[in-house]
Amino acid sequence: MSDADAAVRWYTTALSAGRLWDLGGVAGLEIGGAPFFLHEAVPGKGHELSPAEAGFTTTRIEIFVSAPDDLIERAAQAGATDVEEATDHDMPWGAHRQGGFTDPFGHRWSVGDRTPLHRVPR
């Protein structure tokens, strides 16, 4: 099994991600209508290190869903680490809820509500 296969399985099980397509090593997924894509690191390409190889997170994934608290809780229950509960932040567009976690593959997720997707009135 490849790392991508393990990641697809964790994201679909832990985060209830839907599969848009899966080519084996490259997959398109979505959570609550927010698409994201993953591609397994290609062996021999030094610029595609995994977090384990680099010794730190190499990717920060930001996703905006209607219920960030629920997604963060599901991730925590499925073994995510460095979990930060969603909190309110005052922004020009109003209150924005955001928290996060690190998935089992070393990737940092910031999970917020959909408010940053609204345009700031002029």
Protein backbone atom coordinates (compact mmCIF):
# COMPACT_ATOMS: atom_id res chain seq x y z
CA MET A 1 0.00 0.00 0.00
CA SER A 2 1.25 3.49 -0.81
CA ASP A 3 1.24 6.52 1.48
CA ALA A 4 -1.42 8.05 -0.76
CA ASP A 5 -3.63 4.97 -0.30
CA ALA A 6 -3.25 5.23 3.49
CA ALA A 7 -3.97 8.97 3.37
CA VAL A 8 -7.08 8.51 1.22
CA ARG A 9 -8.32 5.85 3.62
CA TRP A 10 -7.72 8.07 6.70
CA TYR A 11 -9.27 11.18 5.13
CA THR A 12 -12.35 9.30 3.94
CA THR A 13 -12.81 7.46 7.25
CA ALA A 14 -11.72 10.07 9.80
CA LEU A 15 -12.86 13.25 8.04
CA SER A 16 -15.76 11.80 6.00
CA ALA A 17 -14.09 13.02 2.81
CA GLY A 18 -15.72 11.99 -0.44
CA ARG A 19 -13.65 10.65 -3.32
CA LEU A 20 -13.90 12.69 -6.48
CA TRP A 21 -11.39 10.41 -8.22
CA ASP A 22 -8.49 8.14 -7.28
CA LEU A 23 -5.74 7.19 -9.73
CA GLY A 24 -3.59 5.37 -7.17
CA GLY A 25 -1.01 7.76 -5.73
CA VAL A 26 -2.99 10.81 -6.89
CA ALA A 27 -6.51 11.50 -5.65
CA GLY A 28 -9.14 14.21 -5.56
CA LEU A 29 -11.22 14.39 -2.40
CA GLU A 30 -13.78 16.78 -0.93
CA ILE A 31 -15.08 17.64 2.51
CA GLY A 32 -18.40 19.44 2.71
CA GLY A 33 -18.08 20.59 -0.89
CA ALA A 34 -14.49 21.86 -0.42
CA PRO A 35 -12.22 19.95 -2.84
CA PHE A 36 -8.61 19.09 -2.11
CA PHE A 37 -6.08 16.95 -3.91
CA LEU A 38 -3.17 14.82 -2.81
CA HIS A 39 -0.23 13.41 -4.66
CA GLU A 40 2.18 10.88 -3.24
CA ALA A 41 5.78 12.07 -3.07
CA VAL A 42 7.75 10.79 -6.04
CA PRO A 43 10.80 8.73 -4.95
CA GLY A 44 14.11 10.31 -5.88
CA LYS A 45 12.74 13.86 -6.11
CA GLY A 46 14.53 15.75 -3.34
CA HIS A 47 12.02 18.61 -3.49
CA GLU A 48 9.15 16.27 -2.53
CA LEU A 49 10.08 15.25 1.00
CA SER A 50 7.50 13.81 3.32
CA PRO A 51 7.13 15.45 6.76
CA ALA A 52 8.85 12.41 8.29
CA GLU A 53 11.83 12.80 5.94
CA ALA A 54 12.02 16.58 6.45
CA GLY A 55 11.55 16.38 10.22
CA PHE A 56 8.73 18.96 10.23
CA THR A 57 5.42 19.63 8.54
CA THR A 58 5.88 20.42 4.87
CA THR A 59 2.26 21.21 4.06
CA ARG A 60 -0.41 23.36 5.63
CA ILE A 61 -3.88 22.60 4.38
CA GLU A 62 -6.57 25.23 4.87
CA ILE A 63 -10.15 24.16 4.43
CA PHE A 64 -13.37 26.08 4.98
CA VAL A 65 -16.49 24.15 5.99
CA SER A 66 -19.78 25.06 7.62
CA ALA A 67 -18.98 23.19 10.86
CA PRO A 68 -15.24 23.42 11.65
CA ASP A 69 -15.73 22.18 15.24
CA ASP A 70 -17.21 18.91 13.97
CA LEU A 71 -14.38 18.27 11.51
CA ILE A 72 -11.71 19.00 14.13
CA GLU A 73 -13.43 16.69 16.63
CA ARG A 74 -13.64 13.84 14.07
CA ALA A 75 -9.94 14.26 13.31
CA ALA A 76 -9.04 14.21 17.02
CA GLN A 77 -11.10 11.05 17.59
CA ALA A 78 -9.28 9.40 14.67
CA GLY A 79 -5.79 10.10 16.02
CA ALA A 80 -4.91 13.62 14.87
CA THR A 81 -2.39 15.42 17.10
CA ASP A 82 -1.71 19.05 18.07
CA VAL A 83 -5.47 19.64 18.06
CA GLU A 84 -6.57 23.25 18.48
CA GLU A 85 -10.27 23.80 19.09
CA ALA A 86 -11.94 26.33 16.82
CA THR A 87 -12.11 29.80 18.33
CA ASP A 88 -13.65 33.06 17.13
CA HIS A 89 -11.45 35.70 15.54
CA ASP A 90 -12.66 39.23 14.77
CA MET A 91 -11.96 39.93 11.11
CA PRO A 92 -13.03 42.69 8.69
CA TRP A 93 -15.81 40.40 7.40
CA GLY A 94 -17.03 39.54 10.92
CA ALA A 95 -16.41 36.71 13.34
CA HIS A 96 -14.43 33.83 11.84
CA ARG A 97 -14.08 30.44 13.58
CA GLN A 98 -10.83 28.56 13.04
CA GLY A 99 -8.88 25.76 14.68
CA GLY A 100 -6.72 22.91 13.47
CA PHE A 101 -4.83 19.67 13.86
CA THR A 102 -1.93 17.65 12.48
CA ASP A 103 -2.95 14.53 10.59
CA PRO A 104 -1.14 11.17 10.98
CA PHE A 105 0.95 11.99 7.90
CA GLY A 106 2.44 15.12 9.46
CA HIS A 107 0.37 17.67 7.55
CA ARG A 108 -1.02 20.66 9.44
CA TRP A 109 -4.70 21.45 8.85
CA SER A 110 -6.32 24.82 9.53
CA VAL A 111 -10.08 24.37 9.62
CA GLY A 112 -12.31 27.41 9.47
CA ASP A 113 -15.85 28.34 8.69
CA ARG A 114 -16.81 29.77 5.33
CA THR A 115 -16.70 33.46 6.37
CA PRO A 116 -13.30 34.29 4.77
CA LEU A 117 -14.81 33.38 1.42
CA HIS A 118 -17.09 36.43 1.60
CA ARG A 119 -15.87 39.69 0.11
CA VAL A 120 -15.25 42.60 2.42
CA PRO A 121 -17.73 45.42 1.66
CA ARG A 122 -16.12 48.51 0.12
